[in-house]
PDB file of N, CA and C in Angstrom:
ATOM      1  N   MET A   1      17.030   5.479 -44.445  1.00  0.00           N
ATOM      2  CA  MET A   1      17.906   6.569 -44.424  1.00  0.00           C
ATOM      3  C   MET A   1      17.381   7.913 -44.577  1.00  0.00           C
ATOM      4  N   THR A   2      18.317   8.640 -43.893  1.00  0.00           N
ATOM      5  CA  THR A   2      17.721  10.036 -43.668  1.00  0.00           C
ATOM      6  C   THR A   2      17.973  10.772 -44.864  1.00  0.00           C
ATOM      7  N   LYS A   3      17.035  11.710 -45.448  1.00  0.00           N
ATOM      8  CA  LYS A   3      17.068  12.252 -46.462  1.00  0.00           C
ATOM      9  C   LYS A   3      16.855  13.945 -46.281  1.00  0.00           C
ATOM     10  N   ILE A   4      17.253  14.809 -47.181  1.00  0.00           N
ATOM     11  CA  ILE A   4      17.268  16.197 -47.029  1.00  0.00           C
ATOM     12  C   ILE A   4      16.879  16.765 -48.503  1.00  0.00           C
ATOM     13  N   GLY A   5      15.965  17.885 -48.356  1.00  0.00           N
ATOM     14  CA  GLY A   5      15.300  18.352 -49.650  1.00  0.00           C
ATOM     15  C   GLY A   5      16.396  19.599 -49.873  1.00  0.00           C
ATOM     16  N   LEU A   6      16.492  19.671 -51.244  1.00  0.00           N
ATOM     17  CA  LEU A   6      17.440  20.687 -51.856  1.00  0.00           C
ATOM     18  C   LEU A   6      16.894  21.128 -53.106  1.00  0.00           C
ATOM     19  N   ASN A   7      17.119  22.002 -53.694  1.00  0.00           N
ATOM     20  CA  ASN A   7      16.772  22.693 -55.036  1.00  0.00           C
ATOM     21  C   ASN A   7      17.862  22.544 -55.782  1.00  0.00           C
ATOM     22  N   CYS A   8      17.724  22.122 -57.150  1.00  0.00           N
ATOM     23  CA  CYS A   8      18.862  21.772 -58.071  1.00  0.00           C
ATOM     24  C   CYS A   8      19.310  23.079 -58.291  1.00  0.00           C
ATOM     25  N   ASP A   9      20.662  23.392 -58.610  1.00  0.00           N
ATOM     26  CA  ASP A   9      21.289  24.515 -58.817  1.00  0.00           C
ATOM     27  C   ASP A   9      21.169  25.051 -60.318  1.00  0.00           C
ATOM     28  N   TYR A  10      20.756  24.131 -61.067  1.00  0.00           N
ATOM     29  CA  TYR A  10      20.544  24.167 -62.568  1.00  0.00           C
ATOM     30  C   TYR A  10      19.129  24.654 -62.843  1.00  0.00           C
ATOM     31  N   CYS A  11      18.119  23.748 -62.507  1.00  0.00           N
ATOM     32  CA  CYS A  11      16.810  23.716 -62.940  1.00  0.00           C
ATOM     33  C   CYS A  11      16.029  24.408 -62.044  1.00  0.00           C
ATOM     34  N   GLY A  12      16.484  24.452 -60.553  1.00  0.00           N
ATOM     35  CA  GLY A  12      15.477  25.144 -59.466  1.00  0.00           C
ATOM     36  C   GLY A  12      14.657  24.101 -59.186  1.00  0.00           C
ATOM     37  N   ASN A  13      14.492  22.800 -59.348  1.00  0.00           N
ATOM     38  CA  ASN A  13      13.589  21.756 -59.077  1.00  0.00           C
ATOM     39  C   ASN A  13      14.098  21.276 -57.754  1.00  0.00           C
ATOM     40  N   TYR A  14      12.950  20.968 -56.935  1.00  0.00           N
ATOM     41  CA  TYR A  14      13.203  20.492 -55.864  1.00  0.00           C
ATOM     42  C   TYR A  14      13.386  19.004 -55.524  1.00  0.00           C
ATOM     43  N   PHE A  15      14.221  18.568 -54.883  1.00  0.00           N
ATOM     44  CA  PHE A  15      14.599  17.002 -54.922  1.00  0.00           C
ATOM     45  C   PHE A  15      15.045  16.470 -53.626  1.00  0.00           C
ATOM     46  N   GLU A  16      14.990  15.357 -53.251  1.00  0.00           N
ATOM     47  CA  GLU A  16      15.610  14.845 -51.855  1.00  0.00           C
ATOM     48  C   GLU A  16      16.937  14.019 -52.286  1.00  0.00           C
ATOM     49  N   ARG A  17      17.875  13.894 -51.266  1.00  0.00           N
ATOM     50  CA  ARG A  17      18.850  13.320 -51.506  1.00  0.00           C
ATOM     51  C   ARG A  17      19.498  12.769 -50.310  1.00  0.00           C
ATOM     52  N   GLU A  18      20.006  11.542 -50.106  1.00  0.00           N
ATOM     53  CA  GLU A  18      20.420  10.882 -48.731  1.00  0.00           C
ATOM     54  C   GLU A  18      21.581  11.586 -48.206  1.00  0.00           C
ATOM     55  N   VAL A  19      21.598  11.909 -46.906  1.00  0.00           N
ATOM     56  CA  VAL A  19      22.547  12.733 -46.093  1.00  0.00           C
ATOM     57  C   VAL A  19      23.710  11.908 -46.808  1.00  0.00           C
ATOM     58  N   TYR A  20      24.179  11.032 -46.406  1.00  0.00           N
ATOM     59  CA  TYR A  20      25.315  10.522 -46.837  1.00  0.00           C
ATOM     60  C   TYR A  20      25.911  10.675 -48.152  1.00  0.00           C
ATOM     61  N   ARG A  21      25.211  10.836 -49.092  1.00  0.00           N
ATOM     62  CA  ARG A  21      25.683  11.200 -50.451  1.00  0.00           C
ATOM     63  C   ARG A  21      26.094  12.774 -50.723  1.00  0.00           C
ATOM     64  N   ILE A  22      25.291  13.462 -50.062  1.00  0.00           N
ATOM     65  CA  ILE A  22      25.799  14.798 -49.757  1.00  0.00           C
ATOM     66  C   ILE A  22      26.980  15.088 -49.132  1.00  0.00           C
ATOM     67  N   THR A  23      27.108  14.303 -47.775  1.00  0.00           N
ATOM     68  CA  THR A  23      28.353  14.414 -47.106  1.00  0.00           C
ATOM     69  C   THR A  23      29.666  14.019 -47.700  1.00  0.00           C
ATOM     70  N   TYR A  24      29.493  12.941 -48.649  1.00  0.00           N
ATOM     71  CA  TYR A  24      30.617  12.346 -49.329  1.00  0.00           C
ATOM     72  C   TYR A  24      30.884  13.255 -50.744  1.00  0.00           C
ATOM     73  N   ALA A  25      29.845  13.927 -51.207  1.00  0.00           N
ATOM     74  CA  ALA A  25      30.210  14.703 -52.567  1.00  0.00           C
ATOM     75  C   ALA A  25      30.946  15.967 -51.738  1.00  0.00           C
ATOM     76  N   LEU A  26      30.649  16.682 -50.693  1.00  0.00           N
ATOM     77  CA  LEU A  26      31.246  17.906 -50.192  1.00  0.00           C
ATOM     78  C   LEU A  26      32.605  17.640 -49.575  1.00  0.00           C
ATOM     79  N   LYS A  27      32.805  16.148 -49.026  1.00  0.00           N
ATOM     80  CA  LYS A  27      34.170  15.746 -48.681  1.00  0.00           C
ATOM     81  C   LYS A  27      35.156  15.983 -50.067  1.00  0.00           C
ATOM     82  N   GLN A  28      34.660  15.211 -51.199  1.00  0.00           N
ATOM     83  CA  GLN A  28      35.302  15.277 -52.364  1.00  0.00           C
ATOM     84  C   GLN A  28      35.473  16.655 -52.856  1.00  0.00           C
ATOM     85  N   ASN A  29      34.431  17.516 -52.621  1.00  0.00           N
ATOM     86  CA  ASN A  29      34.712  18.844 -53.592  1.00  0.00           C
ATOM     87  C   ASN A  29      33.816  19.776 -52.561  1.00  0.00           C
ATOM     88  N   PRO A  30      34.407  20.568 -51.701  1.00  0.00           N
ATOM     89  CA  PRO A  30      33.703  21.416 -50.870  1.00  0.00           C
ATOM     90  C   PRO A  30      32.741  22.472 -51.533  1.00  0.00           C
ATOM     91  N   ASN A  31      33.127  22.729 -52.889  1.00  0.00           N
ATOM     92  CA  ASN A  31      32.370  23.649 -53.822  1.00  0.00           C
ATOM     93  C   ASN A  31      31.329  23.208 -54.604  1.00  0.00           C
ATOM     94  N   SER A  32      31.073  21.700 -54.216  1.00  0.00           N
ATOM     95  CA  SER A  32      30.209  21.108 -55.127  1.00  0.00           C
ATOM     96  C   SER A  32      28.616  21.644 -54.959  1.00  0.00           C
ATOM     97  N   LYS A  33      27.941  21.468 -56.004  1.00  0.00           N
ATOM     98  CA  LYS A  33      26.658  22.250 -55.885  1.00  0.00           C
ATOM     99  C   LYS A  33      25.509  20.962 -56.153  1.00  0.00           C
ATOM    100  N   PRO A  34      24.341  21.198 -55.685  1.00  0.00           N
ATOM    101  CA  PRO A  34      23.048  20.097 -55.772  1.00  0.00           C
ATOM    102  C   PRO A  34      22.626  19.932 -57.052  1.00  0.00           C
ATOM    103  N   TYR A  35      22.427  19.184 -57.891  1.00  0.00           N
ATOM    104  CA  TYR A  35      21.829  18.886 -59.116  1.00  0.00           C
ATOM    105  C   TYR A  35      20.925  17.685 -58.778  1.00  0.00           C
ATOM    106  N   CYS A  36      19.756  17.996 -59.377  1.00  0.00           N
ATOM    107  CA  CYS A  36      18.956  16.799 -59.414  1.00  0.00           C
ATOM    108  C   CYS A  36      18.922  15.437 -60.286  1.00  0.00           C
ATOM    109  N   ASN A  37      19.635  15.781 -61.178  1.00  0.00           N
ATOM    110  CA  ASN A  37      20.207  14.452 -62.173  1.00  0.00           C
ATOM    111  C   ASN A  37      21.149  14.990 -62.871  1.00  0.00           C
ATOM    112  N   LYS A  38      21.822  13.736 -63.536  1.00  0.00           N
ATOM    113  CA  LYS A  38      22.927  13.954 -64.472  1.00  0.00           C
ATOM    114  C   LYS A  38      22.991  15.017 -65.418  1.00  0.00           C
ATOM    115  N   TRP A  39      21.686  15.008 -66.004  1.00  0.00           N
ATOM    116  CA  TRP A  39      21.431  16.066 -67.327  1.00  0.00           C
ATOM    117  C   TRP A  39      21.591  17.490 -66.857  1.00  0.00           C
ATOM    118  N   CYS A  40      21.233  17.827 -65.518  1.00  0.00           N
ATOM    119  CA  CYS A  40      21.388  19.164 -65.194  1.00  0.00           C
ATOM    120  C   CYS A  40      22.769  19.338 -64.847  1.00  0.00           C
ATOM    121  N   THR A  41      23.666  18.223 -64.317  1.00  0.00           N
ATOM    122  CA  THR A  41      24.778  18.487 -64.126  1.00  0.00           C
ATOM    123  C   THR A  41      25.723  18.881 -65.124  1.00  0.00           C
ATOM    124  N   ILE A  42      25.458  17.921 -66.294  1.00  0.00           N
ATOM    125  CA  ILE A  42      26.375  18.201 -67.648  1.00  0.00           C
ATOM    126  C   ILE A  42      25.860  19.527 -68.144  1.00  0.00           C
ATOM    127  N   GLN A  43      24.682  20.096 -68.084  1.00  0.00           N
ATOM    128  CA  GLN A  43      24.294  21.061 -68.630  1.00  0.00           C
ATOM    129  C   GLN A  43      24.866  22.543 -67.914  1.00  0.00           C
ATOM    130  N   SER A  44      25.026  22.185 -66.849  1.00  0.00           N
ATOM    131  CA  SER A  44      25.501  23.421 -65.907  1.00  0.00           C
ATOM    132  C   SER A  44      27.089  23.512 -66.218  1.00  0.00           C
ATOM    133  N   ALA A  45      27.833  22.357 -66.257  1.00  0.00           N
ATOM    134  CA  ALA A  45      29.355  22.367 -66.816  1.00  0.00           C
ATOM    135  C   ALA A  45      29.285  23.055 -68.006  1.00  0.00           C
ATOM    136  N   ARG A  46      28.510  22.563 -68.942  1.00  0.00           N
ATOM    137  CA  ARG A  46      28.910  23.218 -70.337  1.00  0.00           C
ATOM    138  C   ARG A  46      28.693  24.954 -70.385  1.00  0.00           C
ATOM    139  N   GLU A  47      27.667  24.910 -69.447  1.00  0.00           N
ATOM    140  CA  GLU A  47      27.285  26.708 -69.650  1.00  0.00           C
ATOM    141  C   GLU A  47      28.560  27.315 -68.954  1.00  0.00           C
ATOM    142  N   GLN A  48      28.999  26.788 -67.745  1.00  0.00           N
ATOM    143  CA  GLN A  48      30.139  27.341 -67.038  1.00  0.00           C
ATOM    144  C   GLN A  48      31.429  27.449 -67.700  1.00  0.00           C
ATOM    145  N   HIS A  49      31.482  26.616 -68.766  1.00  0.00           N
ATOM    146  CA  HIS A  49      32.937  26.607 -69.555  1.00  0.00           C
ATOM    147  C   HIS A  49      32.761  27.037 -70.965  1.00  0.00           C
ATOM    148  N   LYS A  50      31.459  27.180 -71.440  1.00  0.00           N
ATOM    149  CA  LYS A  50      31.153  27.783 -72.943  1.00  0.00           C
ATOM    150  C   LYS A  50      32.127  28.992 -72.833  1.00  0.00           C
ATOM    151  N   PRO A  51      31.944  30.085 -71.888  1.00  0.00           N
ATOM    152  CA  PRO A  51      32.461  31.278 -72.340  1.00  0.00           C
ATOM    153  C   PRO A  51      33.838  31.391 -72.772  1.00  0.00           C
ATOM    154  N   LEU A  52      34.528  30.555 -71.761  1.00  0.00           N
ATOM    155  CA  LEU A  52      36.093  30.369 -72.028  1.00  0.00           C
ATOM    156  C   LEU A  52      36.482  29.858 -73.226  1.00  0.00           C
ATOM    157  N   GLN A  53      35.757  28.951 -73.771  1.00  0.00           N
ATOM    158  CA  GLN A  53      36.091  28.317 -75.068  1.00  0.00           C
ATOM    159  C   GLN A  53      36.294  29.612 -76.106  1.00  0.00           C
ATOM    160  N   ASP A  54      35.340  30.394 -76.212  1.00  0.00           N
ATOM    161  CA  ASP A  54      35.309  31.353 -77.028  1.00  0.00           C
ATOM    162  C   ASP A  54      36.107  32.773 -76.548  1.00  0.00           C
ATOM    163  N   SER A  55      37.136  32.726 -75.488  1.00  0.00           N
ATOM    164  CA  SER A  55      37.525  33.796 -75.001  1.00  0.00           C
ATOM    165  C   SER A  55      38.712  34.304 -75.794  1.00  0.00           C
ATOM    166  N   ILE A  56      39.092  35.512 -75.775  1.00  0.00           N
ATOM    167  CA  ILE A  56      40.423  36.274 -76.228  1.00  0.00           C
ATOM    168  C   ILE A  56      40.758  37.086 -74.985  1.00  0.00           C
ATOM    169  N   ILE A  57      42.118  37.408 -75.257  1.00  0.00           N
ATOM    170  CA  ILE A  57      42.921  38.463 -74.452  1.00  0.00           C
ATOM    171  C   ILE A  57      42.684  39.648 -75.253  1.00  0.00           C
ATOM    172  N   SER A  58      42.291  40.860 -74.430  1.00  0.00           N
ATOM    173  CA  SER A  58      42.343  42.102 -75.265  1.00  0.00           C
ATOM    174  C   SER A  58      43.714  42.758 -75.205  1.00  0.00           C
ATOM    175  N   ASN A  59      44.014  43.887 -75.987  1.00  0.00           N
ATOM    176  CA  ASN A  59      45.264  44.564 -76.002  1.00  0.00           C
ATOM    177  C   ASN A  59      45.260  45.006 -74.515  1.00  0.00           C
ATOM    178  N   SER A  60      44.539  45.349 -73.799  1.00  0.00           N
ATOM    179  CA  SER A  60      44.590  45.761 -72.341  1.00  0.00           C
ATOM    180  C   SER A  60      44.981  44.549 -71.402  1.00  0.00           C
ATOM    181  N   GLY A  61      44.878  43.453 -71.893  1.00  0.00           N
ATOM    182  CA  GLY A  61      45.219  42.352 -71.172  1.00  0.00           C
ATOM    183  C   GLY A  61      43.995  41.471 -70.266  1.00  0.00           C
ATOM    184  N   TYR A  62      42.767  41.980 -70.583  1.00  0.00           N
ATOM    185  CA  TYR A  62      41.719  41.244 -70.027  1.00  0.00           C
ATOM    186  C   TYR A  62      40.862  40.432 -71.004  1.00  0.00           C
ATOM    187  N   ARG A  63      40.495  39.212 -70.230  1.00  0.00           N
ATOM    188  CA  ARG A  63      39.665  38.032 -71.027  1.00  0.00           C
ATOM    189  C   ARG A  63      38.430  38.587 -71.264  1.00  0.00           C
ATOM    190  N   MET A  64      37.868  38.573 -72.773  1.00  0.00           N
ATOM    191  CA  MET A  64      36.825  38.760 -72.898  1.00  0.00           C
ATOM    192  C   MET A  64      36.160  37.776 -73.763  1.00  0.00           C
ATOM    193  N   VAL A  65      34.858  37.813 -74.066  1.00  0.00           N
ATOM    194  CA  VAL A  65      34.108  36.357 -74.381  1.00  0.00           C
ATOM    195  C   VAL A  65      33.302  37.146 -75.268  1.00  0.00           C
ATOM    196  N   ARG A  66      32.843  36.351 -76.551  1.00  0.00           N
ATOM    197  CA  ARG A  66      31.681  36.808 -77.490  1.00  0.00           C
ATOM    198  C   ARG A  66      30.447  36.779 -76.981  1.00  0.00           C
ATOM    199  N   MET A  67      29.910  37.646 -76.952  1.00  0.00           N
ATOM    200  CA  MET A  67      28.458  37.472 -76.350  1.00  0.00           C
ATOM    201  C   MET A  67      27.553  38.491 -76.895  1.00  0.00           C
ATOM    202  N   PRO A  68      26.979  38.442 -78.261  1.00  0.00           N
ATOM    203  CA  PRO A  68      26.271  39.509 -78.732  1.00  0.00           C
ATOM    204  C   PRO A  68      25.079  39.906 -78.151  1.00  0.00           C
ATOM    205  N   GLU A  69      24.431  38.942 -77.617  1.00  0.00           N
ATOM    206  CA  GLU A  69      23.217  39.184 -76.802  1.00  0.00           C
ATOM    207  C   GLU A  69      23.444  40.153 -75.650  1.00  0.00           C
ATOM    208  N   HIS A  70      24.364  40.370 -75.103  1.00  0.00           N
ATOM    209  CA  HIS A  70      24.651  41.260 -73.949  1.00  0.00           C
ATOM    210  C   HIS A  70      24.452  42.778 -74.128  1.00  0.00           C
ATOM    211  N   PRO A  71      23.463  43.195 -73.433  1.00  0.00           N
ATOM    212  CA  PRO A  71      23.224  44.714 -73.616  1.00  0.00           C
ATOM    213  C   PRO A  71      24.251  45.751 -73.620  1.00  0.00           C
ATOM    214  N   TYR A  72      25.435  45.270 -73.031  1.00  0.00           N
ATOM    215  CA  TYR A  72      26.602  46.169 -72.918  1.00  0.00           C
ATOM    216  C   TYR A  72      28.076  45.499 -73.973  1.00  0.00           C
ATOM    217  N   SER A  73      27.648  44.652 -74.802  1.00  0.00           N
ATOM    218  CA  SER A  73      28.900  43.950 -75.560  1.00  0.00           C
ATOM    219  C   SER A  73      29.341  45.182 -76.441  1.00  0.00           C
ATOM    220  N   ASN A  74      30.542  45.357 -76.652  1.00  0.00           N
ATOM    221  CA  ASN A  74      31.297  46.104 -77.731  1.00  0.00           C
ATOM    222  C   ASN A  74      31.027  46.186 -78.988  1.00  0.00           C
ATOM    223  N   SER A  75      31.356  46.806 -79.875  1.00  0.00           N
ATOM    224  CA  SER A  75      30.964  46.743 -81.319  1.00  0.00           C
ATOM    225  C   SER A  75      31.638  45.481 -81.913  1.00  0.00           C
ATOM    226  N   ASN A  76      32.487  44.705 -81.279  1.00  0.00           N
ATOM    227  CA  ASN A  76      32.997  43.250 -81.911  1.00  0.00           C
ATOM    228  C   ASN A  76      32.295  42.296 -81.000  1.00  0.00           C
ATOM    229  N   ASN A  77      30.986  42.538 -80.347  1.00  0.00           N
ATOM    230  CA  ASN A  77      30.158  41.721 -79.702  1.00  0.00           C
ATOM    231  C   ASN A  77      30.769  40.841 -78.546  1.00  0.00           C
ATOM    232  N   GLN A  78      31.720  41.943 -77.997  1.00  0.00           N
ATOM    233  CA  GLN A  78      32.505  40.998 -76.933  1.00  0.00           C
ATOM    234  C   GLN A  78      32.321  41.616 -75.653  1.00  0.00           C
ATOM    235  N   VAL A  79      32.312  40.938 -74.489  1.00  0.00           N
ATOM    236  CA  VAL A  79      32.216  41.548 -73.085  1.00  0.00           C
ATOM    237  C   VAL A  79      33.275  41.139 -72.111  1.00  0.00           C
ATOM    238  N   PHE A  80      33.665  41.901 -71.126  1.00  0.00           N
ATOM    239  CA  PHE A  80      34.773  41.578 -70.288  1.00  0.00           C
ATOM    240  C   PHE A  80      34.064  40.441 -69.380  1.00  0.00           C
ATOM    241  N   TYR A  81      34.953  39.343 -69.344  1.00  0.00           N
ATOM    242  CA  TYR A  81      34.566  37.986 -68.565  1.00  0.00           C
ATOM    243  C   TYR A  81      34.346  38.479 -66.979  1.00  0.00           C
ATOM    244  N   SER A  82      35.329  39.347 -66.519  1.00  0.00           N
ATOM    245  CA  SER A  82      35.015  39.603 -65.127  1.00  0.00           C
ATOM    246  C   SER A  82      33.664  40.280 -64.911  1.00  0.00           C
ATOM    247  N   ARG A  83      33.282  41.052 -65.894  1.00  0.00           N
ATOM    248  CA  ARG A  83      31.798  41.653 -65.866  1.00  0.00           C
ATOM    249  C   ARG A  83      30.676  40.859 -65.671  1.00  0.00           C
ATOM    250  N   LEU A  84      30.774  39.624 -66.519  1.00  0.00           N
ATOM    251  CA  LEU A  84      30.048  38.651 -66.347  1.00  0.00           C
ATOM    252  C   LEU A  84      29.881  37.897 -65.234  1.00  0.00           C
ATOM    253  N   ILE A  85      31.260  37.578 -64.833  1.00  0.00           N
ATOM    254  CA  ILE A  85      31.363  36.947 -63.258  1.00  0.00           C
ATOM    255  C   ILE A  85      30.533  37.735 -62.250  1.00  0.00           C
ATOM    256  N   MET A  86      30.867  39.131 -62.408  1.00  0.00           N
ATOM    257  CA  MET A  86      30.285  39.995 -61.333  1.00  0.00           C
ATOM    258  C   MET A  86      28.822  39.942 -61.439  1.00  0.00           C
ATOM    259  N   GLU A  87      28.025  40.188 -62.804  1.00  0.00           N
ATOM    260  CA  GLU A  87      26.969  40.460 -62.916  1.00  0.00           C
ATOM    261  C   GLU A  87      25.901  38.956 -62.528  1.00  0.00           C
ATOM    262  N   LYS A  88      26.821  37.718 -62.564  1.00  0.00           N
ATOM    263  CA  LYS A  88      26.266  36.641 -62.240  1.00  0.00           C
ATOM    264  C   LYS A  88      26.143  36.526 -60.626  1.00  0.00           C
ATOM    265  N   GLU A  89      27.158  36.930 -59.919  1.00  0.00           N
ATOM    266  CA  GLU A  89      27.204  37.314 -58.509  1.00  0.00           C
ATOM    267  C   GLU A  89      26.190  37.972 -58.104  1.00  0.00           C
ATOM    268  N   LEU A  90      26.024  39.099 -58.841  1.00  0.00           N
ATOM    269  CA  LEU A  90      24.940  40.214 -58.274  1.00  0.00           C
ATOM    270  C   LEU A  90      23.557  39.880 -58.511  1.00  0.00           C
ATOM    271  N   GLY A  91      23.338  38.982 -59.629  1.00  0.00           N
ATOM    272  CA  GLY A  91      21.929  38.651 -60.189  1.00  0.00           C
ATOM    273  C   GLY A  91      21.478  40.026 -61.070  1.00  0.00           C
ATOM    274  N   ARG A  92      22.513  40.713 -61.639  1.00  0.00           N
ATOM    275  CA  ARG A  92      21.876  41.821 -62.523  1.00  0.00           C
ATOM    276  C   ARG A  92      22.901  42.412 -63.419  1.00  0.00           C
ATOM    277  N   HIS A  93      22.558  43.074 -64.273  1.00  0.00           N
ATOM    278  CA  HIS A  93      23.659  43.616 -65.384  1.00  0.00           C
ATOM    279  C   HIS A  93      24.177  44.724 -64.515  1.00  0.00           C
ATOM    280  N   LEU A  94      25.533  44.997 -64.711  1.00  0.00           N
ATOM    281  CA  LEU A  94      26.046  46.357 -64.319  1.00  0.00           C
ATOM    282  C   LEU A  94      25.632  47.449 -65.118  1.00  0.00           C
ATOM    283  N   VAL A  95      25.449  48.590 -64.433  1.00  0.00           N
ATOM    284  CA  VAL A  95      24.869  49.840 -65.082  1.00  0.00           C
ATOM    285  C   VAL A  95      26.069  50.661 -65.680  1.00  0.00           C
ATOM    286  N   PRO A  96      26.049  51.668 -66.523  1.00  0.00           N
ATOM    287  CA  PRO A  96      27.114  52.385 -66.676  1.00  0.00           C
ATOM    288  C   PRO A  96      27.486  53.015 -65.765  1.00  0.00           C
ATOM    289  N   GLY A  97      28.832  53.322 -65.447  1.00  0.00           N
ATOM    290  CA  GLY A  97      29.339  53.785 -64.212  1.00  0.00           C
ATOM    291  C   GLY A  97      29.920  53.005 -63.556  1.00  0.00           C
ATOM    292  N   GLU A  98      29.569  51.511 -63.415  1.00  0.00           N
ATOM    293  CA  GLU A  98      30.104  50.549 -62.459  1.00  0.00           C
ATOM    294  C   GLU A  98      31.242  50.019 -63.351  1.00  0.00           C
ATOM    295  N   THR A  99      32.030  49.815 -62.533  1.00  0.00           N
ATOM    296  CA  THR A  99      33.350  48.697 -63.263  1.00  0.00           C
ATOM    297  C   THR A  99      33.912  47.757 -62.208  1.00  0.00           C
ATOM    298  N   ILE A 100      34.773  46.841 -62.610  1.00  0.00           N
ATOM    299  CA  ILE A 100      35.280  45.755 -61.995  1.00  0.00           C
ATOM    300  C   ILE A 100      36.686  46.272 -61.591  1.00  0.00           C
ATOM    301  N   HIS A 101      37.260  46.035 -60.488  1.00  0.00           N
ATOM    302  CA  HIS A 101      38.526  46.005 -60.113  1.00  0.00           C
ATOM    303  C   HIS A 101      39.104  44.693 -59.623  1.00  0.00           C
ATOM    304  N   HIS A 102      40.285  44.236 -60.099  1.00  0.00           N
ATOM    305  CA  HIS A 102      40.923  43.048 -59.889  1.00  0.00           C
ATOM    306  C   HIS A 102      41.741  43.460 -58.768  1.00  0.00           C
ATOM    307  N   LYS A 103      41.429  42.798 -57.362  1.00  0.00           N
ATOM    308  CA  LYS A 103      42.321  43.108 -56.192  1.00  0.00           C
ATOM    309  C   LYS A 103      43.641  42.773 -56.190  1.00  0.00           C
ATOM    310  N   ASP A 104      44.077  41.710 -56.921  1.00  0.00           N
ATOM    311  CA  ASP A 104      45.574  41.438 -56.847  1.00  0.00           C
ATOM    312  C   ASP A 104      46.161  41.765 -58.073  1.00  0.00           C
ATOM    313  N   GLY A 105      45.648  42.763 -59.015  1.00  0.00           N
ATOM    314  CA  GLY A 105      46.118  43.425 -60.033  1.00  0.00           C
ATOM    315  C   GLY A 105      46.488  42.383 -61.531  1.00  0.00           C
ATOM    316  N   ASN A 106      45.961  40.988 -61.134  1.00  0.00           N
ATOM    317  CA  ASN A 106      46.064  40.182 -62.107  1.00  0.00           C
ATOM    318  C   ASN A 106      44.963  40.298 -62.985  1.00  0.00           C
ATOM    319  N   LYS A 107      44.944  40.551 -64.394  1.00  0.00           N
ATOM    320  CA  LYS A 107      43.583  41.081 -65.080  1.00  0.00           C
ATOM    321  C   LYS A 107      42.946  39.686 -65.451  1.00  0.00           C
ATOM    322  N   LEU A 108      43.985  38.530 -65.389  1.00  0.00           N
ATOM    323  CA  LEU A 108      42.939  37.486 -65.966  1.00  0.00           C
ATOM    324  C   LEU A 108      42.501  36.338 -64.602  1.00  0.00           C
ATOM    325  N   ASN A 109      42.647  37.024 -63.410  1.00  0.00           N
ATOM    326  CA  ASN A 109      42.377  36.293 -62.131  1.00  0.00           C
ATOM    327  C   ASN A 109      40.847  36.855 -62.048  1.00  0.00           C
ATOM    328  N   ASP A 110      39.918  35.936 -62.458  1.00  0.00           N
ATOM    329  CA  ASP A 110      38.630  36.585 -62.613  1.00  0.00           C
ATOM    330  C   ASP A 110      37.866  35.758 -61.642  1.00  0.00           C
ATOM    331  N   VAL A 111      38.267  35.345 -60.633  1.00  0.00           N
ATOM    332  CA  VAL A 111      37.504  34.453 -59.367  1.00  0.00           C
ATOM    333  C   VAL A 111      36.804  35.630 -58.555  1.00  0.00           C
ATOM    334  N   VAL A 112      35.557  35.242 -58.268  1.00  0.00           N
ATOM    335  CA  VAL A 112      34.650  36.360 -57.541  1.00  0.00           C
ATOM    336  C   VAL A 112      35.419  36.844 -56.390  1.00  0.00           C
ATOM    337  N   SER A 113      36.334  36.252 -55.548  1.00  0.00           N
ATOM    338  CA  SER A 113      36.772  36.599 -54.405  1.00  0.00           C
ATOM    339  C   SER A 113      37.653  37.570 -54.658  1.00  0.00           C
ATOM    340  N   ASN A 114      38.102  37.930 -56.220  1.00  0.00           N
ATOM    341  CA  ASN A 114      39.189  38.479 -56.457  1.00  0.00           C
ATOM    342  C   ASN A 114      38.572  39.890 -57.186  1.00  0.00           C
ATOM    343  N   LEU A 115      37.603  39.757 -57.126  1.00  0.00           N
ATOM    344  CA  LEU A 115      36.859  41.017 -57.936  1.00  0.00           C
ATOM    345  C   LEU A 115      35.866  41.905 -56.962  1.00  0.00           C
ATOM    346  N   LYS A 116      36.084  43.201 -57.479  1.00  0.00           N
ATOM    347  CA  LYS A 116      35.533  44.103 -56.433  1.00  0.00           C
ATOM    348  C   LYS A 116      34.750  45.366 -57.421  1.00  0.00           C
ATOM    349  N   LEU A 117      33.189  45.298 -57.136  1.00  0.00           N
ATOM    350  CA  LEU A 117      32.596  46.281 -58.084  1.00  0.00           C
ATOM    351  C   LEU A 117      32.896  47.846 -57.362  1.00  0.00           C
ATOM    352  N   MET A 118      33.015  48.662 -58.344  1.00  0.00           N
ATOM    353  CA  MET A 118      33.555  49.958 -58.083  1.00  0.00           C
ATOM    354  C   MET A 118      32.988  50.918 -59.038  1.00  0.00           C
ATOM    355  N   GLU A 119      32.853  52.123 -58.592  1.00  0.00           N
ATOM    356  CA  GLU A 119      32.118  53.248 -59.584  1.00  0.00           C
ATOM    357  C   GLU A 119      33.501  53.737 -59.994  1.00  0.00           C
ATOM    358  N   ARG A 120      33.122  53.917 -61.604  1.00  0.00           N
ATOM    359  CA  ARG A 120      34.159  54.207 -62.631  1.00  0.00           C
ATOM    360  C   ARG A 120      35.200  55.315 -62.171  1.00  0.00           C
ATOM    361  N   GLY A 121      34.574  56.366 -61.540  1.00  0.00           N
ATOM    362  CA  GLY A 121      35.405  57.396 -60.921  1.00  0.00           C
ATOM    363  C   GLY A 121      36.547  57.036 -59.942  1.00  0.00           C
ATOM    364  N   ASN A 122      36.017  55.942 -59.094  1.00  0.00           N
ATOM    365  CA  ASN A 122      36.845  55.637 -57.719  1.00  0.00           C
ATOM    366  C   ASN A 122      37.910  54.570 -58.201  1.00  0.00           C
ATOM    367  N   HIS A 123      38.026  54.040 -59.655  1.00  0.00           N
ATOM    368  CA  HIS A 123      38.437  53.053 -59.967  1.00  0.00           C
ATOM    369  C   HIS A 123      40.043  53.602 -60.350  1.00  0.00           C
ATOM    370  N   ARG A 124      41.098  53.062 -59.817  1.00  0.00           N
ATOM    371  CA  ARG A 124      42.441  53.575 -60.379  1.00  0.00           C
ATOM    372  C   ARG A 124      43.376  52.168 -60.701  1.00  0.00           C
TER     373      ARG A 124
END
């Protein structure tokens, strides 16, 4: 059987998987990511959903998560969830002066495709 090499989306380890297994997984879920074993699959799922378990909706209508270790958390140790999503997408922390715009106007729609990085002065 033909195999292809992949890097685990969680731990980064190289592994090989049969082509038919990858094809089947992508048919079931086009957004599926490669994991080298069940442990990495479970750990990734836990990390992705953990912030939402501790989330609140701010007075201004944005989802916020408790994250005291974040360099830009507020006095209540909370960070905008949309900020975390954009930082993950960019691979870096946002800097002062950068803000996130929700393209559709829905402050709770934190899907990457709905978020746009902007300079604070240009955001309305």
